[in-house]
Amino acid sequence: MKVLFVCLGNICRSPTAEGIFRQYVEKAGLSDKITMDSAGTSDWHIGKTPDPRTQAAAAVRGYDLSTLRGRQAVPADFAKFDLILAMDNSNLSNLQAIQPANSKAELALYLPRFGISPDEVPDPYYGGEDGFELVLDMLEQASQVLLDEIKARL
């Protein structure tokens, strides 16, 4: 199973989702069966590390995002991944615009796909420190539900 997490710049929400989910998968002993990546729908931060505030908030909870680098989502991702999860409606629309007609990947809004509300993971980039904590809370909950679903499929 291959999962791609997508936000706008690939420096806050999607690398956080990737880092959390990677740790959950490793703890479950499923690294050989589940792979993940993250991307942004913009090209603003290609090759850059996650935002320092994102990394700091994640590190407090034991997630190391330092090795991740920003990249842009591309049409080929729809052939490479089984599940592509957008953090918000705007990025879902951006992904739908590049989705090939013969796409094999399931494309969905992350939180609602797993019955979690609200519908969108808020972008903490322009807010205070509490925004990064809220994103971590939401993505930890979603990661557990995602892992449980994938485990049931395997």
N, C-alpha and C. Protein backbone atom coordinates (compact mmCIF):
# COMPACT_ATOMS: atom_id res chain seq x y z
N MET A 1 0.85 -1.18 0.00
CA MET A 1 0.00 0.00 0.00
C MET A 1 0.89 1.24 0.00
N LYS A 2 0.61 2.16 -0.91
CA LYS A 2 1.40 3.38 -1.02
C LYS A 2 0.48 4.59 -0.84
N VAL A 3 0.86 5.46 0.12
CA VAL A 3 0.03 6.61 0.50
C VAL A 3 0.82 7.90 0.28
N LEU A 4 0.15 8.90 -0.31
CA LEU A 4 0.74 10.22 -0.51
C LEU A 4 -0.12 11.26 0.21
N PHE A 5 0.52 12.08 1.04
CA PHE A 5 -0.14 13.16 1.76
C PHE A 5 0.19 14.46 1.04
N VAL A 6 -0.84 15.32 0.82
CA VAL A 6 -0.62 16.53 0.03
C VAL A 6 -1.22 17.76 0.69
N CYS A 7 -0.40 18.82 0.76
CA CYS A 7 -0.88 20.14 1.17
C CYS A 7 -0.40 21.15 0.13
N LEU A 8 -0.33 22.41 0.46
CA LEU A 8 0.03 23.42 -0.53
C LEU A 8 1.54 23.49 -0.77
N GLY A 9 2.31 23.71 0.28
CA GLY A 9 3.74 23.93 0.11
C GLY A 9 4.62 22.76 0.46
N ASN A 10 4.07 21.73 1.09
CA ASN A 10 4.81 20.55 1.53
C ASN A 10 5.88 20.91 2.55
N ILE A 11 5.54 21.88 3.45
CA ILE A 11 6.47 22.20 4.54
C ILE A 11 5.80 22.18 5.91
N CYS A 12 4.49 22.03 5.97
CA CYS A 12 3.80 21.99 7.27
C CYS A 12 2.96 20.73 7.42
N ARG A 13 1.78 20.75 6.84
CA ARG A 13 0.81 19.67 7.08
C ARG A 13 1.20 18.33 6.47
N SER A 14 1.53 18.29 5.20
CA SER A 14 1.80 16.99 4.57
C SER A 14 3.07 16.32 5.09
N PRO A 15 4.18 17.04 5.35
CA PRO A 15 5.31 16.34 5.93
C PRO A 15 5.02 15.87 7.37
N THR A 16 4.19 16.62 8.08
CA THR A 16 3.80 16.18 9.42
C THR A 16 3.00 14.89 9.32
N ALA A 17 2.06 14.84 8.38
CA ALA A 17 1.27 13.62 8.17
C ALA A 17 2.17 12.45 7.80
N GLU A 18 3.13 12.69 6.92
CA GLU A 18 4.06 11.63 6.52
C GLU A 18 4.87 11.14 7.71
N GLY A 19 5.43 12.07 8.48
CA GLY A 19 6.27 11.69 9.62
C GLY A 19 5.52 10.92 10.69
N ILE A 20 4.32 11.36 10.99
CA ILE A 20 3.50 10.66 11.98
C ILE A 20 3.15 9.27 11.48
N PHE A 21 2.63 9.21 10.25
CA PHE A 21 2.20 7.92 9.72
C PHE A 21 3.38 6.96 9.59
N ARG A 22 4.53 7.47 9.18
CA ARG A 22 5.72 6.61 9.07
C ARG A 22 6.03 5.96 10.42
N GLN A 23 5.97 6.75 11.50
CA GLN A 23 6.26 6.19 12.82
C GLN A 23 5.21 5.16 13.24
N TYR A 24 3.95 5.43 12.95
CA TYR A 24 2.89 4.47 13.28
C TYR A 24 3.11 3.16 12.52
N VAL A 25 3.47 3.26 11.25
CA VAL A 25 3.71 2.08 10.43
C VAL A 25 4.91 1.29 10.95
N GLU A 26 5.98 2.00 11.30
CA GLU A 26 7.17 1.33 11.84
C GLU A 26 6.85 0.61 13.15
N LYS A 27 6.12 1.28 14.05
CA LYS A 27 5.75 0.65 15.33
C LYS A 27 4.88 -0.57 15.13
N ALA A 28 4.08 -0.57 14.06
CA ALA A 28 3.21 -1.71 13.76
C ALA A 28 3.96 -2.83 13.03
N GLY A 29 5.23 -2.57 12.69
CA GLY A 29 6.03 -3.57 11.98
C GLY A 29 5.58 -3.78 10.54
N LEU A 30 5.07 -2.74 9.91
CA LEU A 30 4.52 -2.89 8.56
C LEU A 30 5.27 -2.08 7.50
N SER A 31 6.50 -1.68 7.80
CA SER A 31 7.27 -0.86 6.87
C SER A 31 7.52 -1.56 5.54
N ASP A 32 7.49 -2.88 5.54
CA ASP A 32 7.70 -3.62 4.29
C ASP A 32 6.42 -3.72 3.45
N LYS A 33 5.29 -3.34 4.02
CA LYS A 33 4.01 -3.43 3.32
C LYS A 33 3.36 -2.08 3.02
N ILE A 34 3.77 -1.04 3.74
CA ILE A 34 3.17 0.29 3.58
C ILE A 34 4.28 1.31 3.39
N THR A 35 4.18 2.09 2.31
CA THR A 35 5.11 3.18 2.10
C THR A 35 4.33 4.49 2.00
N MET A 36 5.04 5.58 2.25
CA MET A 36 4.36 6.88 2.22
C MET A 36 5.32 7.96 1.75
N ASP A 37 4.73 9.06 1.32
CA ASP A 37 5.48 10.22 0.88
C ASP A 37 4.57 11.42 1.09
N SER A 38 5.12 12.61 0.86
CA SER A 38 4.31 13.83 0.93
C SER A 38 4.72 14.74 -0.21
N ALA A 39 3.80 15.63 -0.56
CA ALA A 39 4.04 16.57 -1.66
C ALA A 39 3.17 17.80 -1.46
N GLY A 40 3.47 18.83 -2.24
CA GLY A 40 2.66 20.04 -2.25
C GLY A 40 2.11 20.27 -3.63
N THR A 41 1.02 20.99 -3.72
CA THR A 41 0.47 21.29 -5.04
C THR A 41 1.16 22.51 -5.66
N SER A 42 1.93 23.25 -4.86
CA SER A 42 2.70 24.38 -5.40
C SER A 42 4.16 23.96 -5.53
N ASP A 43 4.92 24.79 -6.22
CA ASP A 43 6.36 24.50 -6.37
C ASP A 43 7.22 25.42 -5.52
N TRP A 44 6.64 26.07 -4.54
CA TRP A 44 7.33 27.08 -3.75
C TRP A 44 8.48 26.55 -2.91
N HIS A 45 8.39 25.33 -2.42
CA HIS A 45 9.37 24.85 -1.44
C HIS A 45 10.06 23.55 -1.86
N ILE A 46 10.18 23.33 -3.15
CA ILE A 46 10.83 22.11 -3.64
C ILE A 46 12.25 22.04 -3.08
N GLY A 47 12.58 20.90 -2.51
CA GLY A 47 13.91 20.66 -1.96
C GLY A 47 14.16 21.20 -0.57
N LYS A 48 13.20 21.92 -0.02
CA LYS A 48 13.38 22.52 1.30
C LYS A 48 12.90 21.58 2.41
N THR A 49 13.46 21.76 3.60
CA THR A 49 13.03 21.00 4.76
C THR A 49 11.70 21.56 5.27
N PRO A 50 10.98 20.80 6.07
CA PRO A 50 9.76 21.34 6.67
C PRO A 50 10.05 22.60 7.49
N ASP A 51 9.03 23.44 7.61
CA ASP A 51 9.10 24.67 8.38
C ASP A 51 9.70 24.37 9.77
N PRO A 52 10.61 25.21 10.26
CA PRO A 52 11.23 24.97 11.57
C PRO A 52 10.22 24.82 12.71
N ARG A 53 9.11 25.56 12.65
CA ARG A 53 8.09 25.44 13.69
C ARG A 53 7.39 24.07 13.61
N THR A 54 7.20 23.60 12.40
CA THR A 54 6.62 22.26 12.20
C THR A 54 7.54 21.21 12.78
N GLN A 55 8.82 21.32 12.46
CA GLN A 55 9.79 20.34 12.97
C GLN A 55 9.87 20.38 14.49
N ALA A 56 9.87 21.58 15.06
CA ALA A 56 9.98 21.70 16.52
C ALA A 56 8.78 21.09 17.23
N ALA A 57 7.58 21.39 16.74
CA ALA A 57 6.36 20.85 17.35
C ALA A 57 6.33 19.33 17.22
N ALA A 58 6.73 18.83 16.05
CA ALA A 58 6.75 17.37 15.84
C ALA A 58 7.79 16.71 16.73
N ALA A 59 8.95 17.32 16.88
CA ALA A 59 10.03 16.74 17.69
C ALA A 59 9.62 16.57 19.14
N VAL A 60 8.84 17.52 19.67
CA VAL A 60 8.37 17.42 21.05
C VAL A 60 7.58 16.13 21.25
N ARG A 61 6.89 15.69 20.21
CA ARG A 61 6.10 14.46 20.29
C ARG A 61 6.85 13.24 19.77
N GLY A 62 8.12 13.40 19.44
CA GLY A 62 8.95 12.27 19.03
C GLY A 62 8.97 11.98 17.55
N TYR A 63 8.56 12.92 16.71
CA TYR A 63 8.58 12.72 15.26
C TYR A 63 9.74 13.52 14.67
N ASP A 64 10.59 12.85 13.91
CA ASP A 64 11.72 13.51 13.26
C ASP A 64 11.37 13.76 11.80
N LEU A 65 11.23 15.03 11.43
CA LEU A 65 10.89 15.41 10.06
C LEU A 65 12.10 15.96 9.31
N SER A 66 13.26 15.93 9.92
CA SER A 66 14.44 16.61 9.38
C SER A 66 14.94 16.06 8.06
N THR A 67 14.65 14.82 7.77
CA THR A 67 15.14 14.22 6.51
C THR A 67 14.20 14.45 5.34
N LEU A 68 13.01 14.98 5.61
CA LEU A 68 12.02 15.18 4.55
C LEU A 68 12.35 16.42 3.74
N ARG A 69 12.04 16.38 2.45
CA ARG A 69 12.27 17.51 1.55
C ARG A 69 11.02 17.74 0.71
N GLY A 70 10.72 19.02 0.50
CA GLY A 70 9.53 19.38 -0.26
C GLY A 70 9.63 18.97 -1.72
N ARG A 71 8.50 18.55 -2.25
CA ARG A 71 8.40 18.25 -3.67
C ARG A 71 7.00 18.59 -4.13
N GLN A 72 6.81 18.70 -5.41
CA GLN A 72 5.51 19.04 -5.96
C GLN A 72 4.80 17.78 -6.44
N ALA A 73 3.51 17.71 -6.19
CA ALA A 73 2.70 16.60 -6.70
C ALA A 73 2.65 16.70 -8.23
N VAL A 74 2.72 15.54 -8.87
CA VAL A 74 2.72 15.48 -10.34
C VAL A 74 1.74 14.41 -10.81
N PRO A 75 1.29 14.48 -12.06
CA PRO A 75 0.35 13.47 -12.56
C PRO A 75 0.83 12.02 -12.38
N ALA A 76 2.13 11.78 -12.46
CA ALA A 76 2.66 10.42 -12.30
C ALA A 76 2.37 9.85 -10.91
N ASP A 77 2.14 10.71 -9.91
CA ASP A 77 1.82 10.23 -8.57
C ASP A 77 0.53 9.40 -8.57
N PHE A 78 -0.35 9.67 -9.51
CA PHE A 78 -1.62 8.94 -9.57
C PHE A 78 -1.45 7.51 -10.06
N ALA A 79 -0.31 7.19 -10.64
CA ALA A 79 0.00 5.82 -11.02
C ALA A 79 0.87 5.14 -9.97
N LYS A 80 1.63 5.92 -9.24
CA LYS A 80 2.56 5.39 -8.25
C LYS A 80 1.90 5.05 -6.92
N PHE A 81 0.90 5.85 -6.51
CA PHE A 81 0.29 5.69 -5.19
C PHE A 81 -1.10 5.07 -5.28
N ASP A 82 -1.48 4.37 -4.20
CA ASP A 82 -2.82 3.78 -4.10
C ASP A 82 -3.82 4.77 -3.52
N LEU A 83 -3.34 5.62 -2.63
CA LEU A 83 -4.20 6.56 -1.91
C LEU A 83 -3.50 7.91 -1.82
N ILE A 84 -4.17 8.96 -2.31
CA ILE A 84 -3.63 10.32 -2.24
C ILE A 84 -4.60 11.12 -1.39
N LEU A 85 -4.06 11.68 -0.30
CA LEU A 85 -4.89 12.35 0.69
C LEU A 85 -4.56 13.84 0.76
N ALA A 86 -5.54 14.67 0.41
CA ALA A 86 -5.39 16.12 0.44
C ALA A 86 -5.77 16.65 1.82
N MET A 87 -5.04 17.66 2.26
CA MET A 87 -5.30 18.24 3.58
C MET A 87 -6.49 19.20 3.60
N ASP A 88 -6.84 19.77 2.44
CA ASP A 88 -7.97 20.70 2.40
C ASP A 88 -8.61 20.70 1.01
N ASN A 89 -9.75 21.36 0.91
CA ASN A 89 -10.50 21.37 -0.35
C ASN A 89 -9.76 22.04 -1.49
N SER A 90 -9.02 23.09 -1.19
CA SER A 90 -8.26 23.78 -2.24
C SER A 90 -7.23 22.84 -2.87
N ASN A 91 -6.51 22.11 -2.05
CA ASN A 91 -5.52 21.17 -2.58
C ASN A 91 -6.16 19.97 -3.23
N LEU A 92 -7.33 19.57 -2.75
CA LEU A 92 -8.07 18.51 -3.43
C LEU A 92 -8.41 18.96 -4.85
N SER A 93 -8.89 20.18 -5.00
CA SER A 93 -9.20 20.72 -6.33
C SER A 93 -7.96 20.79 -7.21
N ASN A 94 -6.84 21.23 -6.63
CA ASN A 94 -5.58 21.28 -7.38
C ASN A 94 -5.17 19.89 -7.87
N LEU A 95 -5.36 18.90 -7.03
CA LEU A 95 -5.02 17.53 -7.41
C LEU A 95 -5.98 16.99 -8.48
N GLN A 96 -7.24 17.29 -8.35
CA GLN A 96 -8.21 16.86 -9.35
C GLN A 96 -7.87 17.43 -10.72
N ALA A 97 -7.32 18.63 -10.74
CA ALA A 97 -6.96 19.29 -12.00
C ALA A 97 -5.80 18.59 -12.72
N ILE A 98 -4.93 17.88 -11.98
CA ILE A 98 -3.81 17.19 -12.61
C ILE A 98 -4.01 15.67 -12.66
N GLN A 99 -5.11 15.19 -12.14
CA GLN A 99 -5.38 13.75 -12.08
C GLN A 99 -5.65 13.20 -13.48
N PRO A 100 -4.84 12.25 -13.94
CA PRO A 100 -5.10 11.64 -15.25
C PRO A 100 -6.42 10.87 -15.27
N ALA A 101 -7.01 10.78 -16.43
CA ALA A 101 -8.29 10.09 -16.57
C ALA A 101 -8.20 8.62 -16.16
N ASN A 102 -7.07 8.00 -16.39
CA ASN A 102 -6.90 6.57 -16.08
C ASN A 102 -6.22 6.34 -14.73
N SER A 103 -6.39 7.26 -13.83
CA SER A 103 -5.75 7.20 -12.52
C SER A 103 -6.14 5.95 -11.74
N LYS A 104 -5.13 5.30 -11.17
CA LYS A 104 -5.41 4.14 -10.31
C LYS A 104 -5.60 4.54 -8.86
N ALA A 105 -5.08 5.69 -8.48
CA ALA A 105 -5.10 6.12 -7.09
C ALA A 105 -6.48 6.59 -6.67
N GLU A 106 -6.81 6.29 -5.42
CA GLU A 106 -8.00 6.89 -4.81
C GLU A 106 -7.57 8.26 -4.30
N LEU A 107 -8.31 9.29 -4.67
CA LEU A 107 -8.04 10.65 -4.23
C LEU A 107 -9.13 11.08 -3.28
N ALA A 108 -8.74 11.58 -2.10
CA ALA A 108 -9.74 11.94 -1.10
C ALA A 108 -9.24 13.07 -0.21
N LEU A 109 -10.19 13.72 0.43
CA LEU A 109 -9.90 14.69 1.48
C LEU A 109 -9.59 13.87 2.73
N TYR A 110 -8.43 14.08 3.34
CA TYR A 110 -7.92 13.20 4.39
C TYR A 110 -8.89 12.96 5.54
N LEU A 111 -9.25 13.98 6.27
CA LEU A 111 -10.04 13.76 7.49
C LEU A 111 -11.42 13.16 7.21
N PRO A 112 -12.20 13.72 6.29
CA PRO A 112 -13.52 13.13 6.02
C PRO A 112 -13.44 11.69 5.48
N ARG A 113 -12.37 11.37 4.77
CA ARG A 113 -12.21 10.01 4.22
C ARG A 113 -12.25 8.97 5.34
N PHE A 114 -11.83 9.38 6.53
CA PHE A 114 -11.79 8.46 7.66
C PHE A 114 -12.80 8.82 8.75
N GLY A 115 -13.81 9.61 8.38
CA GLY A 115 -14.88 9.94 9.30
C GLY A 115 -14.49 10.90 10.41
N ILE A 116 -13.47 11.70 10.18
CA ILE A 116 -12.99 12.65 11.19
C ILE A 116 -13.40 14.06 10.77
N SER A 117 -13.84 14.85 11.73
CA SER A 117 -14.15 16.24 11.42
C SER A 117 -13.22 17.13 12.24
N PRO A 118 -13.00 18.35 11.79
CA PRO A 118 -13.62 19.04 10.66
C PRO A 118 -13.13 18.48 9.32
N ASP A 119 -13.63 19.06 8.24
CA ASP A 119 -13.29 18.55 6.91
C ASP A 119 -11.85 18.80 6.50
N GLU A 120 -11.26 19.86 7.02
CA GLU A 120 -9.92 20.24 6.56
C GLU A 120 -8.92 20.32 7.71
N VAL A 121 -7.68 19.99 7.38
CA VAL A 121 -6.57 20.21 8.31
C VAL A 121 -6.14 21.66 8.08
N PRO A 122 -6.28 22.52 9.08
CA PRO A 122 -5.95 23.94 8.88
C PRO A 122 -4.45 24.16 8.66
N ASP A 123 -4.14 25.13 7.83
CA ASP A 123 -2.74 25.46 7.56
C ASP A 123 -2.21 26.31 8.72
N PRO A 124 -1.21 25.83 9.46
CA PRO A 124 -0.71 26.58 10.62
C PRO A 124 0.34 27.64 10.25
N TYR A 125 0.70 27.74 8.99
CA TYR A 125 1.83 28.57 8.56
C TYR A 125 1.76 30.01 9.05
N TYR A 126 0.59 30.63 8.94
CA TYR A 126 0.47 32.05 9.30
C TYR A 126 -0.06 32.28 10.72
N GLY A 127 -0.26 31.20 11.46
CA GLY A 127 -0.80 31.35 12.81
C GLY A 127 0.26 31.20 13.88
N GLY A 128 -0.19 31.03 15.10
CA GLY A 128 0.70 30.86 16.24
C GLY A 128 1.08 29.41 16.46
N GLU A 129 1.84 29.19 17.53
CA GLU A 129 2.33 27.86 17.87
C GLU A 129 1.20 26.85 18.10
N ASP A 130 0.06 27.33 18.64
CA ASP A 130 -1.04 26.42 18.92
C ASP A 130 -1.58 25.76 17.65
N GLY A 131 -1.42 26.43 16.51
CA GLY A 131 -1.87 25.84 15.24
C GLY A 131 -1.11 24.58 14.88
N PHE A 132 0.18 24.55 15.18
CA PHE A 132 0.99 23.37 14.90
C PHE A 132 0.58 22.21 15.81
N GLU A 133 0.24 22.53 17.05
CA GLU A 133 -0.23 21.50 17.98
C GLU A 133 -1.57 20.92 17.53
N LEU A 134 -2.47 21.79 17.09
CA LEU A 134 -3.77 21.33 16.58
C LEU A 134 -3.59 20.40 15.39
N VAL A 135 -2.70 20.76 14.47
CA VAL A 135 -2.43 19.92 13.30
C VAL A 135 -1.89 18.56 13.75
N LEU A 136 -0.97 18.55 14.70
CA LEU A 136 -0.45 17.28 15.22
C LEU A 136 -1.57 16.43 15.81
N ASP A 137 -2.44 17.03 16.61
CA ASP A 137 -3.56 16.30 17.21
C ASP A 137 -4.42 15.65 16.13
N MET A 138 -4.78 16.44 15.12
CA MET A 138 -5.65 15.94 14.05
C MET A 138 -4.97 14.82 13.26
N LEU A 139 -3.70 15.01 12.93
CA LEU A 139 -3.01 14.03 12.11
C LEU A 139 -2.66 12.76 12.87
N GLU A 140 -2.45 12.86 14.16
CA GLU A 140 -2.26 11.63 14.95
C GLU A 140 -3.54 10.80 14.94
N GLN A 141 -4.67 11.44 15.14
CA GLN A 141 -5.94 10.72 15.12
C GLN A 141 -6.18 10.09 13.75
N ALA A 142 -5.98 10.86 12.70
CA ALA A 142 -6.21 10.36 11.35
C ALA A 142 -5.23 9.23 10.99
N SER A 143 -3.99 9.34 11.43
CA SER A 143 -2.99 8.31 11.14
C SER A 143 -3.38 6.97 11.74
N GLN A 144 -3.91 7.01 12.95
CA GLN A 144 -4.31 5.75 13.58
C GLN A 144 -5.47 5.10 12.82
N VAL A 145 -6.43 5.91 12.41
CA VAL A 145 -7.58 5.37 11.67
C VAL A 145 -7.12 4.84 10.30
N LEU A 146 -6.24 5.58 9.64
CA LEU A 146 -5.70 5.14 8.35
C LEU A 146 -4.95 3.82 8.51
N LEU A 147 -4.11 3.73 9.53
CA LEU A 147 -3.35 2.50 9.76
C LEU A 147 -4.30 1.33 10.03
N ASP A 148 -5.31 1.55 10.86
CA ASP A 148 -6.27 0.48 11.16
C ASP A 148 -6.97 -0.01 9.89
N GLU A 149 -7.34 0.93 9.00
CA GLU A 149 -7.99 0.53 7.75
C GLU A 149 -7.06 -0.29 6.86
N ILE A 150 -5.83 0.18 6.74
CA ILE A 150 -4.87 -0.54 5.89
C ILE A 150 -4.56 -1.92 6.46
N LYS A 151 -4.42 -2.02 7.77
CA LYS A 151 -4.16 -3.31 8.40
C LYS A 151 -5.29 -4.29 8.11
N ALA A 152 -6.52 -3.79 8.11
CA ALA A 152 -7.67 -4.65 7.82
C ALA A 152 -7.65 -5.15 6.37
N ARG A 153 -7.06 -4.37 5.47
CA ARG A 153 -6.96 -4.75 4.05
C ARG A 153 -5.87 -5.77 3.80
N LEU A 154 -4.81 -5.74 4.62
CA LEU A 154 -3.63 -6.58 4.37
C LEU A 154 -3.85 -8.04 4.70
